[in-house]
Amino acid sequence: MAEQRVSAGIAYTLTRRRVRNINLRVRADGSVAASAPTRLAVKWVDAFVASRADWVRAAQARAARRAAAEQQQNDALPSKEDALAQITALCRAYYPQFAAVCPRGQMPKIAVRDMRTRWGSCSLKTGTLAFARRLCVMPPAAQEYVVVHEFCHFSHPDHSPAFWAAVAQVLPDYKQRQRLLKTG
């Protein structure tokens, strides 16, 4: 059960867990969470939070800057509808090369999501290709690479040498295209 506390002007949520130490973290939204051993007196947790107040405030400032930058990036992205139309058109262009390996031989369902850690994903179970909305502002060569990469997962659901050979068969310059995603 979580308990709301304040120490040295820092509002935080205390959760009791089976841990040996007090763990303090600042979440992406700037909220503060502490977990502590079940038998540790609350005054020790408050004292720990107070001793780390400067660190917490700095971490909250970093989280706020990160959130503002992310919001600015999202404002520069096309709407989800426009992104879906753009990615779907690209997938339709490459679909004929992959029709034989697509589930049930049909054009896969295309989805656009606000993904942070990946450019795309492939679900063999549902026959869905999902793409990050931020992919739409990358160079066209990078977009094509991600589409081909995800289509290739229908025949190779891993990153084995056979998978990379399949990618290279469609895009011999895939390594240069891959680099565009890292620099963009």
N, C-alpha and C. Protein backbone atom coordinates (compact mmCIF):
# COMPACT_ATOMS: atom_id res chain seq x y z
N MET A 1 0.85 -1.19 0.00
CA MET A 1 0.00 0.00 0.00
C MET A 1 0.89 1.24 0.00
N ALA A 2 0.59 2.18 -0.85
CA ALA A 2 1.39 3.39 -1.00
C ALA A 2 0.90 4.47 -0.03
N GLU A 3 1.87 5.24 0.45
CA GLU A 3 1.57 6.31 1.39
C GLU A 3 2.17 7.60 0.83
N GLN A 4 1.38 8.68 0.82
CA GLN A 4 1.85 9.98 0.36
C GLN A 4 2.55 10.69 1.51
N ARG A 5 3.77 11.20 1.26
CA ARG A 5 4.55 11.85 2.31
C ARG A 5 5.22 13.10 1.74
N VAL A 6 5.70 13.95 2.63
CA VAL A 6 6.45 15.13 2.25
C VAL A 6 7.64 15.25 3.20
N SER A 7 8.82 15.47 2.63
CA SER A 7 10.02 15.66 3.44
C SER A 7 10.89 16.70 2.75
N ALA A 8 11.29 17.72 3.49
CA ALA A 8 12.13 18.81 2.96
C ALA A 8 11.51 19.43 1.71
N GLY A 9 10.19 19.53 1.70
CA GLY A 9 9.49 20.11 0.56
C GLY A 9 9.34 19.18 -0.63
N ILE A 10 9.78 17.95 -0.49
CA ILE A 10 9.66 16.96 -1.57
C ILE A 10 8.46 16.06 -1.28
N ALA A 11 7.45 16.13 -2.14
CA ALA A 11 6.30 15.23 -2.02
C ALA A 11 6.68 13.92 -2.69
N TYR A 12 6.43 12.81 -2.00
CA TYR A 12 6.78 11.52 -2.58
C TYR A 12 5.79 10.44 -2.15
N THR A 13 5.80 9.36 -2.88
CA THR A 13 4.97 8.20 -2.57
C THR A 13 5.87 7.13 -1.99
N LEU A 14 5.55 6.67 -0.77
CA LEU A 14 6.33 5.63 -0.11
C LEU A 14 5.62 4.29 -0.27
N THR A 15 6.35 3.33 -0.76
CA THR A 15 5.84 1.98 -0.90
C THR A 15 6.74 1.05 -0.10
N ARG A 16 6.13 0.19 0.68
CA ARG A 16 6.90 -0.78 1.46
C ARG A 16 7.07 -2.05 0.63
N ARG A 17 8.31 -2.52 0.56
CA ARG A 17 8.61 -3.71 -0.24
C ARG A 17 9.63 -4.57 0.47
N ARG A 18 9.84 -5.73 -0.08
CA ARG A 18 10.89 -6.61 0.43
C ARG A 18 12.20 -6.22 -0.24
N VAL A 19 12.77 -5.10 0.22
CA VAL A 19 14.05 -4.60 -0.29
C VAL A 19 14.97 -4.38 0.89
N ARG A 20 16.24 -4.29 0.62
CA ARG A 20 17.22 -4.07 1.70
C ARG A 20 17.52 -2.60 1.93
N ASN A 21 17.40 -1.81 0.87
CA ASN A 21 17.76 -0.40 0.94
C ASN A 21 16.56 0.47 0.57
N ILE A 22 16.71 1.74 0.87
CA ILE A 22 15.70 2.70 0.42
C ILE A 22 16.04 3.03 -1.05
N ASN A 23 15.06 2.93 -1.91
CA ASN A 23 15.23 3.24 -3.33
C ASN A 23 14.42 4.49 -3.64
N LEU A 24 15.06 5.45 -4.27
CA LEU A 24 14.41 6.71 -4.59
C LEU A 24 14.51 6.94 -6.09
N ARG A 25 13.39 7.31 -6.71
CA ARG A 25 13.43 7.57 -8.15
C ARG A 25 12.46 8.70 -8.50
N VAL A 26 12.83 9.41 -9.54
CA VAL A 26 11.98 10.46 -10.09
C VAL A 26 11.46 9.93 -11.41
N ARG A 27 10.15 9.86 -11.53
CA ARG A 27 9.52 9.33 -12.74
C ARG A 27 9.52 10.38 -13.85
N ALA A 28 9.20 9.93 -15.06
CA ALA A 28 9.20 10.82 -16.22
C ALA A 28 8.27 12.01 -16.04
N ASP A 29 7.19 11.84 -15.28
CA ASP A 29 6.27 12.96 -15.06
C ASP A 29 6.71 13.88 -13.92
N GLY A 30 7.87 13.58 -13.31
CA GLY A 30 8.41 14.41 -12.24
C GLY A 30 7.99 13.98 -10.84
N SER A 31 7.08 13.01 -10.75
CA SER A 31 6.68 12.54 -9.43
C SER A 31 7.81 11.72 -8.81
N VAL A 32 7.82 11.67 -7.50
CA VAL A 32 8.90 11.02 -6.77
C VAL A 32 8.34 9.79 -6.06
N ALA A 33 9.07 8.69 -6.16
CA ALA A 33 8.66 7.44 -5.52
C ALA A 33 9.82 6.89 -4.70
N ALA A 34 9.49 6.42 -3.52
CA ALA A 34 10.49 5.77 -2.67
C ALA A 34 9.95 4.41 -2.27
N SER A 35 10.82 3.43 -2.26
CA SER A 35 10.46 2.12 -1.71
C SER A 35 11.44 1.83 -0.60
N ALA A 36 10.92 1.24 0.46
CA ALA A 36 11.74 1.01 1.64
C ALA A 36 11.38 -0.33 2.26
N PRO A 37 12.31 -0.89 3.06
CA PRO A 37 12.00 -2.14 3.77
C PRO A 37 10.78 -1.96 4.66
N THR A 38 10.03 -3.01 4.82
CA THR A 38 8.77 -2.93 5.56
C THR A 38 8.95 -2.50 7.01
N ARG A 39 10.05 -2.86 7.65
CA ARG A 39 10.23 -2.56 9.08
C ARG A 39 11.01 -1.28 9.36
N LEU A 40 11.43 -0.58 8.35
CA LEU A 40 12.21 0.64 8.55
C LEU A 40 11.28 1.78 8.99
N ALA A 41 11.69 2.49 10.02
CA ALA A 41 10.87 3.60 10.52
C ALA A 41 10.76 4.70 9.46
N VAL A 42 9.57 5.31 9.41
CA VAL A 42 9.28 6.35 8.43
C VAL A 42 10.25 7.52 8.57
N LYS A 43 10.67 7.83 9.79
CA LYS A 43 11.57 8.98 9.98
C LYS A 43 12.88 8.80 9.23
N TRP A 44 13.33 7.55 9.07
CA TRP A 44 14.57 7.29 8.32
C TRP A 44 14.36 7.49 6.82
N VAL A 45 13.19 7.13 6.35
CA VAL A 45 12.88 7.35 4.93
C VAL A 45 12.78 8.85 4.66
N ASP A 46 12.08 9.57 5.55
CA ASP A 46 11.98 11.03 5.40
C ASP A 46 13.37 11.66 5.41
N ALA A 47 14.22 11.23 6.30
CA ALA A 47 15.58 11.78 6.40
C ALA A 47 16.36 11.48 5.12
N PHE A 48 16.20 10.28 4.57
CA PHE A 48 16.88 9.91 3.33
C PHE A 48 16.42 10.81 2.18
N VAL A 49 15.10 11.01 2.06
CA VAL A 49 14.57 11.86 1.00
C VAL A 49 15.09 13.29 1.18
N ALA A 50 15.09 13.78 2.42
CA ALA A 50 15.58 15.14 2.68
C ALA A 50 17.05 15.28 2.30
N SER A 51 17.84 14.24 2.55
CA SER A 51 19.27 14.30 2.22
C SER A 51 19.51 14.29 0.72
N ARG A 52 18.55 13.85 -0.04
CA ARG A 52 18.67 13.79 -1.50
C ARG A 52 17.82 14.84 -2.19
N ALA A 53 17.37 15.85 -1.46
CA ALA A 53 16.46 16.86 -2.01
C ALA A 53 17.05 17.57 -3.23
N ASP A 54 18.33 17.94 -3.17
CA ASP A 54 18.95 18.63 -4.32
C ASP A 54 18.95 17.73 -5.55
N TRP A 55 19.28 16.47 -5.36
CA TRP A 55 19.28 15.51 -6.48
C TRP A 55 17.87 15.37 -7.05
N VAL A 56 16.87 15.28 -6.17
CA VAL A 56 15.48 15.12 -6.63
C VAL A 56 15.06 16.33 -7.46
N ARG A 57 15.36 17.53 -6.97
CA ARG A 57 14.97 18.74 -7.70
C ARG A 57 15.67 18.82 -9.06
N ALA A 58 16.93 18.43 -9.11
CA ALA A 58 17.65 18.42 -10.39
C ALA A 58 17.04 17.39 -11.34
N ALA A 59 16.70 16.22 -10.82
CA ALA A 59 16.09 15.17 -11.65
C ALA A 59 14.71 15.61 -12.14
N GLN A 60 13.95 16.31 -11.30
CA GLN A 60 12.64 16.80 -11.72
C GLN A 60 12.80 17.85 -12.82
N ALA A 61 13.83 18.69 -12.71
CA ALA A 61 14.07 19.69 -13.76
C ALA A 61 14.44 19.01 -15.08
N ARG A 62 15.28 17.96 -14.99
CA ARG A 62 15.64 17.21 -16.22
C ARG A 62 14.40 16.57 -16.83
N ALA A 63 13.53 16.00 -15.98
CA ALA A 63 12.30 15.36 -16.47
C ALA A 63 11.40 16.38 -17.15
N ALA A 64 11.31 17.57 -16.58
CA ALA A 64 10.48 18.62 -17.17
C ALA A 64 11.03 19.06 -18.52
N ARG A 65 12.37 19.21 -18.60
CA ARG A 65 12.99 19.59 -19.89
C ARG A 65 12.75 18.50 -20.93
N ARG A 66 12.90 17.25 -20.51
CA ARG A 66 12.70 16.13 -21.42
C ARG A 66 11.25 16.09 -21.92
N ALA A 67 10.29 16.32 -21.01
CA ALA A 67 8.87 16.31 -21.39
C ALA A 67 8.57 17.45 -22.36
N ALA A 68 9.16 18.63 -22.12
CA ALA A 68 8.95 19.77 -23.01
C ALA A 68 9.52 19.50 -24.39
N ALA A 69 10.72 18.92 -24.42
CA ALA A 69 11.35 18.60 -25.71
C ALA A 69 10.53 17.55 -26.46
N GLU A 70 10.03 16.57 -25.72
CA GLU A 70 9.21 15.52 -26.34
C GLU A 70 7.91 16.11 -26.89
N GLN A 71 7.31 17.03 -26.15
CA GLN A 71 6.08 17.67 -26.61
C GLN A 71 6.36 18.47 -27.88
N GLN A 72 7.49 19.15 -27.90
CA GLN A 72 7.87 19.93 -29.08
C GLN A 72 8.06 19.01 -30.29
N GLN A 73 8.70 17.86 -30.07
CA GLN A 73 8.88 16.89 -31.15
C GLN A 73 7.53 16.38 -31.64
N ASN A 74 6.64 16.06 -30.69
CA ASN A 74 5.32 15.54 -31.07
C ASN A 74 4.52 16.57 -31.85
N ASP A 75 4.69 17.85 -31.50
CA ASP A 75 3.99 18.91 -32.23
C ASP A 75 4.47 19.00 -33.68
N ALA A 76 5.71 18.60 -33.94
CA ALA A 76 6.28 18.65 -35.29
C ALA A 76 5.88 17.44 -36.13
N LEU A 77 5.30 16.43 -35.50
CA LEU A 77 4.93 15.20 -36.22
C LEU A 77 3.59 15.37 -36.91
N PRO A 78 3.39 14.60 -37.99
CA PRO A 78 2.07 14.63 -38.64
C PRO A 78 1.04 13.99 -37.71
N SER A 79 -0.23 14.26 -37.97
CA SER A 79 -1.29 13.62 -37.18
C SER A 79 -1.21 12.11 -37.37
N LYS A 80 -1.83 11.37 -36.46
CA LYS A 80 -1.81 9.91 -36.60
C LYS A 80 -2.48 9.47 -37.90
N GLU A 81 -3.52 10.17 -38.30
CA GLU A 81 -4.23 9.82 -39.54
C GLU A 81 -3.32 10.03 -40.75
N ASP A 82 -2.63 11.17 -40.78
CA ASP A 82 -1.72 11.45 -41.89
C ASP A 82 -0.55 10.47 -41.90
N ALA A 83 -0.03 10.18 -40.71
CA ALA A 83 1.08 9.23 -40.61
C ALA A 83 0.64 7.84 -41.09
N LEU A 84 -0.56 7.43 -40.69
CA LEU A 84 -1.07 6.13 -41.12
C LEU A 84 -1.22 6.07 -42.63
N ALA A 85 -1.73 7.13 -43.22
CA ALA A 85 -1.88 7.17 -44.69
C ALA A 85 -0.51 7.08 -45.37
N GLN A 86 0.47 7.81 -44.85
CA GLN A 86 1.81 7.81 -45.43
C GLN A 86 2.47 6.43 -45.34
N ILE A 87 2.41 5.83 -44.16
CA ILE A 87 3.04 4.52 -43.96
C ILE A 87 2.30 3.44 -44.73
N THR A 88 0.98 3.51 -44.76
CA THR A 88 0.19 2.52 -45.50
C THR A 88 0.54 2.55 -46.98
N ALA A 89 0.69 3.74 -47.54
CA ALA A 89 1.05 3.86 -48.96
C ALA A 89 2.42 3.21 -49.21
N LEU A 90 3.35 3.43 -48.30
CA LEU A 90 4.68 2.83 -48.44
C LEU A 90 4.61 1.30 -48.33
N CYS A 91 3.81 0.81 -47.39
CA CYS A 91 3.65 -0.64 -47.24
C CYS A 91 3.00 -1.27 -48.47
N ARG A 92 2.02 -0.57 -49.04
CA ARG A 92 1.37 -1.09 -50.26
C ARG A 92 2.36 -1.21 -51.41
N ALA A 93 3.29 -0.27 -51.46
CA ALA A 93 4.28 -0.30 -52.53
C ALA A 93 5.20 -1.52 -52.39
N TYR A 94 5.50 -1.92 -51.17
CA TYR A 94 6.40 -3.07 -50.95
C TYR A 94 5.67 -4.40 -50.79
N TYR A 95 4.37 -4.36 -50.54
CA TYR A 95 3.60 -5.58 -50.30
C TYR A 95 3.76 -6.65 -51.40
N PRO A 96 3.71 -6.30 -52.70
CA PRO A 96 3.81 -7.35 -53.73
C PRO A 96 5.07 -8.23 -53.58
N GLN A 97 6.16 -7.65 -53.08
CA GLN A 97 7.39 -8.44 -52.91
C GLN A 97 7.29 -9.41 -51.73
N PHE A 98 6.35 -9.16 -50.83
CA PHE A 98 6.24 -9.97 -49.61
C PHE A 98 4.92 -10.72 -49.49
N ALA A 99 4.06 -10.64 -50.50
CA ALA A 99 2.73 -11.25 -50.43
C ALA A 99 2.79 -12.73 -50.07
N ALA A 100 3.78 -13.44 -50.60
CA ALA A 100 3.89 -14.88 -50.35
C ALA A 100 4.19 -15.21 -48.89
N VAL A 101 4.83 -14.30 -48.15
CA VAL A 101 5.19 -14.60 -46.76
C VAL A 101 4.26 -13.94 -45.75
N CYS A 102 3.35 -13.09 -46.20
CA CYS A 102 2.42 -12.44 -45.28
C CYS A 102 1.38 -13.44 -44.78
N PRO A 103 0.97 -13.30 -43.54
CA PRO A 103 -0.06 -14.22 -43.01
C PRO A 103 -1.30 -14.24 -43.89
N ARG A 104 -1.73 -15.43 -44.22
CA ARG A 104 -2.90 -15.67 -45.07
C ARG A 104 -2.76 -15.03 -46.45
N GLY A 105 -1.52 -14.65 -46.81
CA GLY A 105 -1.26 -14.06 -48.11
C GLY A 105 -1.93 -12.71 -48.33
N GLN A 106 -2.34 -12.07 -47.23
CA GLN A 106 -3.05 -10.80 -47.33
C GLN A 106 -2.16 -9.64 -46.90
N MET A 107 -2.50 -8.47 -47.39
CA MET A 107 -1.83 -7.25 -46.95
C MET A 107 -2.00 -7.17 -45.43
N PRO A 108 -0.90 -6.98 -44.69
CA PRO A 108 -1.03 -6.92 -43.24
C PRO A 108 -1.78 -5.66 -42.80
N LYS A 109 -2.32 -5.72 -41.60
CA LYS A 109 -2.95 -4.54 -41.01
C LYS A 109 -1.80 -3.60 -40.63
N ILE A 110 -1.97 -2.33 -40.89
CA ILE A 110 -0.92 -1.34 -40.60
C ILE A 110 -1.41 -0.46 -39.45
N ALA A 111 -0.53 -0.21 -38.50
CA ALA A 111 -0.86 0.65 -37.37
C ALA A 111 0.27 1.65 -37.16
N VAL A 112 -0.08 2.81 -36.65
CA VAL A 112 0.90 3.83 -36.30
C VAL A 112 0.70 4.15 -34.82
N ARG A 113 1.80 4.12 -34.08
CA ARG A 113 1.74 4.36 -32.64
C ARG A 113 2.81 5.36 -32.25
N ASP A 114 2.67 5.89 -31.06
CA ASP A 114 3.70 6.78 -30.51
C ASP A 114 4.69 5.92 -29.73
N MET A 115 5.60 5.28 -30.46
CA MET A 115 6.61 4.42 -29.85
C MET A 115 7.86 5.24 -29.57
N ARG A 116 8.49 5.00 -28.45
CA ARG A 116 9.70 5.73 -28.08
C ARG A 116 10.97 4.96 -28.38
N THR A 117 10.91 3.65 -28.23
CA THR A 117 12.15 2.87 -28.27
C THR A 117 12.35 2.08 -29.56
N ARG A 118 11.37 2.05 -30.41
CA ARG A 118 11.55 1.32 -31.67
C ARG A 118 10.87 2.04 -32.82
N TRP A 119 11.32 1.67 -34.00
CA TRP A 119 10.77 2.29 -35.22
C TRP A 119 9.58 1.51 -35.75
N GLY A 120 9.55 0.21 -35.48
CA GLY A 120 8.47 -0.62 -35.98
C GLY A 120 8.42 -1.93 -35.25
N SER A 121 7.31 -2.66 -35.45
CA SER A 121 7.18 -3.99 -34.88
C SER A 121 6.30 -4.83 -35.80
N CYS A 122 6.47 -6.14 -35.67
CA CYS A 122 5.72 -7.07 -36.51
C CYS A 122 5.07 -8.11 -35.60
N SER A 123 3.78 -8.28 -35.73
CA SER A 123 3.09 -9.31 -34.96
C SER A 123 2.67 -10.43 -35.92
N LEU A 124 3.32 -11.57 -35.78
CA LEU A 124 2.97 -12.71 -36.61
C LEU A 124 1.57 -13.22 -36.25
N LYS A 125 1.24 -13.14 -34.98
CA LYS A 125 -0.05 -13.65 -34.49
C LYS A 125 -1.24 -12.93 -35.12
N THR A 126 -1.16 -11.59 -35.17
CA THR A 126 -2.28 -10.82 -35.71
C THR A 126 -2.07 -10.37 -37.15
N GLY A 127 -0.85 -10.56 -37.65
CA GLY A 127 -0.54 -10.12 -39.01
C GLY A 127 -0.53 -8.60 -39.12
N THR A 128 -0.03 -7.96 -38.08
CA THR A 128 -0.01 -6.48 -38.02
C THR A 128 1.41 -5.96 -38.06
N LEU A 129 1.62 -4.93 -38.83
CA LEU A 129 2.87 -4.18 -38.82
C LEU A 129 2.56 -2.84 -38.16
N ALA A 130 3.30 -2.50 -37.12
CA ALA A 130 3.10 -1.23 -36.42
C ALA A 130 4.36 -0.38 -36.59
N PHE A 131 4.16 0.91 -36.76
CA PHE A 131 5.27 1.82 -36.99
C PHE A 131 5.16 3.02 -36.06
N ALA A 132 6.32 3.54 -35.69
CA ALA A 132 6.38 4.74 -34.87
C ALA A 132 5.95 5.94 -35.70
N ARG A 133 5.15 6.80 -35.12
CA ARG A 133 4.70 7.99 -35.84
C ARG A 133 5.89 8.87 -36.23
N ARG A 134 6.92 8.88 -35.40
CA ARG A 134 8.10 9.70 -35.67
C ARG A 134 8.87 9.23 -36.90
N LEU A 135 8.59 8.01 -37.38
CA LEU A 135 9.24 7.51 -38.59
C LEU A 135 8.88 8.40 -39.79
N CYS A 136 7.70 9.00 -39.77
CA CYS A 136 7.23 9.81 -40.90
C CYS A 136 8.08 11.04 -41.17
N VAL A 137 8.87 11.49 -40.21
CA VAL A 137 9.71 12.67 -40.45
C VAL A 137 11.15 12.28 -40.75
N MET A 138 11.41 11.00 -40.86
CA MET A 138 12.75 10.51 -41.22
C MET A 138 12.88 10.53 -42.75
N PRO A 139 14.12 10.47 -43.26
CA PRO A 139 14.30 10.44 -44.72
C PRO A 139 13.57 9.25 -45.35
N PRO A 140 13.06 9.42 -46.57
CA PRO A 140 12.34 8.33 -47.24
C PRO A 140 13.12 7.01 -47.28
N ALA A 141 14.44 7.07 -47.47
CA ALA A 141 15.23 5.84 -47.51
C ALA A 141 15.17 5.10 -46.18
N ALA A 142 15.15 5.84 -45.08
CA ALA A 142 15.05 5.23 -43.75
C ALA A 142 13.66 4.62 -43.55
N GLN A 143 12.63 5.31 -44.02
CA GLN A 143 11.27 4.79 -43.91
C GLN A 143 11.14 3.47 -44.67
N GLU A 144 11.68 3.44 -45.88
CA GLU A 144 11.63 2.22 -46.68
C GLU A 144 12.35 1.08 -45.97
N TYR A 145 13.50 1.38 -45.37
CA TYR A 145 14.25 0.35 -44.65
C TYR A 145 13.40 -0.26 -43.54
N VAL A 146 12.74 0.57 -42.74
CA VAL A 146 11.95 0.05 -41.62
C VAL A 146 10.79 -0.80 -42.14
N VAL A 147 10.14 -0.36 -43.20
CA VAL A 147 9.03 -1.12 -43.78
C VAL A 147 9.52 -2.49 -44.26
N VAL A 148 10.61 -2.51 -45.00
CA VAL A 148 11.16 -3.78 -45.49
C VAL A 148 11.60 -4.66 -44.32
N HIS A 149 12.25 -4.07 -43.34
CA HIS A 149 12.70 -4.79 -42.14
C HIS A 149 11.51 -5.52 -41.50
N GLU A 150 10.42 -4.80 -41.29
CA GLU A 150 9.26 -5.42 -40.62
C GLU A 150 8.60 -6.47 -41.51
N PHE A 151 8.51 -6.22 -42.81
CA PHE A 151 7.94 -7.23 -43.71
C PHE A 151 8.78 -8.52 -43.66
N CYS A 152 10.10 -8.38 -43.60
CA CYS A 152 10.98 -9.56 -43.56
C CYS A 152 10.77 -10.41 -42.31
N HIS A 153 10.25 -9.81 -41.26
CA HIS A 153 9.99 -10.58 -40.04
C HIS A 153 8.87 -11.61 -40.24
N PHE A 154 8.04 -11.43 -41.26
CA PHE A 154 7.01 -12.44 -41.51
C PHE A 154 7.64 -13.77 -41.90
N SER A 155 8.77 -13.74 -42.60
CA SER A 155 9.44 -14.99 -42.99
C SER A 155 10.55 -15.37 -42.02
N HIS A 156 11.10 -14.41 -41.31
CA HIS A 156 12.18 -14.67 -40.34
C HIS A 156 11.89 -13.87 -39.07
N PRO A 157 11.23 -14.48 -38.07
CA PRO A 157 10.82 -13.71 -36.88
C PRO A 157 11.97 -13.46 -35.90
N ASP A 158 13.15 -13.25 -36.41
CA ASP A 158 14.33 -13.05 -35.58
C ASP A 158 15.29 -12.13 -36.33
N HIS A 159 16.49 -11.99 -35.84
CA HIS A 159 17.51 -11.21 -36.55
C HIS A 159 18.69 -12.11 -36.93
N SER A 160 18.35 -13.26 -37.44
CA SER A 160 19.35 -14.25 -37.85
C SER A 160 20.03 -13.81 -39.15
N PRO A 161 21.12 -14.47 -39.52
CA PRO A 161 21.75 -14.16 -40.81
C PRO A 161 20.78 -14.30 -41.98
N ALA A 162 19.86 -15.26 -41.90
CA ALA A 162 18.86 -15.43 -42.96
C ALA A 162 17.95 -14.20 -43.06
N PHE A 163 17.60 -13.63 -41.90
CA PHE A 163 16.77 -12.43 -41.89
C PHE A 163 17.50 -11.29 -42.60
N TRP A 164 18.76 -11.05 -42.22
CA TRP A 164 19.52 -9.94 -42.81
C TRP A 164 19.76 -10.18 -44.30
N ALA A 165 19.88 -11.45 -44.70
CA ALA A 165 20.03 -11.76 -46.13
C ALA A 165 18.74 -11.39 -46.87
N ALA A 166 17.60 -11.64 -46.24
CA ALA A 166 16.32 -11.29 -46.86
C ALA A 166 16.18 -9.77 -47.00
N VAL A 167 16.61 -9.04 -45.97
CA VAL A 167 16.58 -7.57 -46.05
C VAL A 167 17.50 -7.09 -47.17
N ALA A 168 18.71 -7.66 -47.22
CA ALA A 168 19.70 -7.26 -48.23
C ALA A 168 19.24 -7.58 -49.65
N GLN A 169 18.43 -8.63 -49.79
CA GLN A 169 17.93 -8.99 -51.11
C GLN A 169 17.03 -7.89 -51.67
N VAL A 170 16.25 -7.25 -50.81
CA VAL A 170 15.35 -6.18 -51.24
C VAL A 170 16.08 -4.83 -51.24
N LEU A 171 16.88 -4.60 -50.20
CA LEU A 171 17.61 -3.33 -50.07
C LEU A 171 19.09 -3.61 -49.85
N PRO A 172 19.86 -3.75 -50.91
CA PRO A 172 21.29 -4.05 -50.75
C PRO A 172 22.04 -3.00 -49.92
N ASP A 173 21.52 -1.77 -49.90
CA ASP A 173 22.18 -0.70 -49.14
C ASP A 173 21.53 -0.48 -47.76
N TYR A 174 20.94 -1.54 -47.20
CA TYR A 174 20.18 -1.38 -45.95
C TYR A 174 21.03 -0.83 -44.80
N LYS A 175 22.33 -1.10 -44.79
CA LYS A 175 23.17 -0.61 -43.68
C LYS A 175 23.28 0.92 -43.69
N GLN A 176 23.38 1.51 -44.88
CA GLN A 176 23.41 2.96 -44.97
C GLN A 176 22.06 3.55 -44.54
N ARG A 177 20.99 2.88 -44.94
CA ARG A 177 19.65 3.33 -44.57
C ARG A 177 19.45 3.23 -43.06
N GLN A 178 19.99 2.17 -42.47
CA GLN A 178 19.91 1.95 -41.03
C GLN A 178 20.58 3.11 -40.28
N ARG A 179 21.71 3.55 -40.79
CA ARG A 179 22.45 4.65 -40.17
C ARG A 179 21.65 5.95 -40.17
N LEU A 180 20.79 6.13 -41.16
CA LEU A 180 19.96 7.34 -41.21
C LEU A 180 19.06 7.44 -39.99
N LEU A 181 18.63 6.29 -39.46
CA LEU A 181 17.76 6.28 -38.28
C LEU A 181 18.51 6.70 -37.03
N LYS A 182 19.80 6.40 -36.99
CA LYS A 182 20.61 6.74 -35.83
C LYS A 182 21.03 8.20 -35.82
N THR A 183 21.19 8.78 -37.01
CA THR A 183 21.64 10.16 -37.10
C THR A 183 20.48 11.14 -37.15
N GLY A 184 19.30 10.66 -37.57
CA GLY A 184 18.17 11.56 -37.75
C GLY A 184 17.41 11.89 -36.52
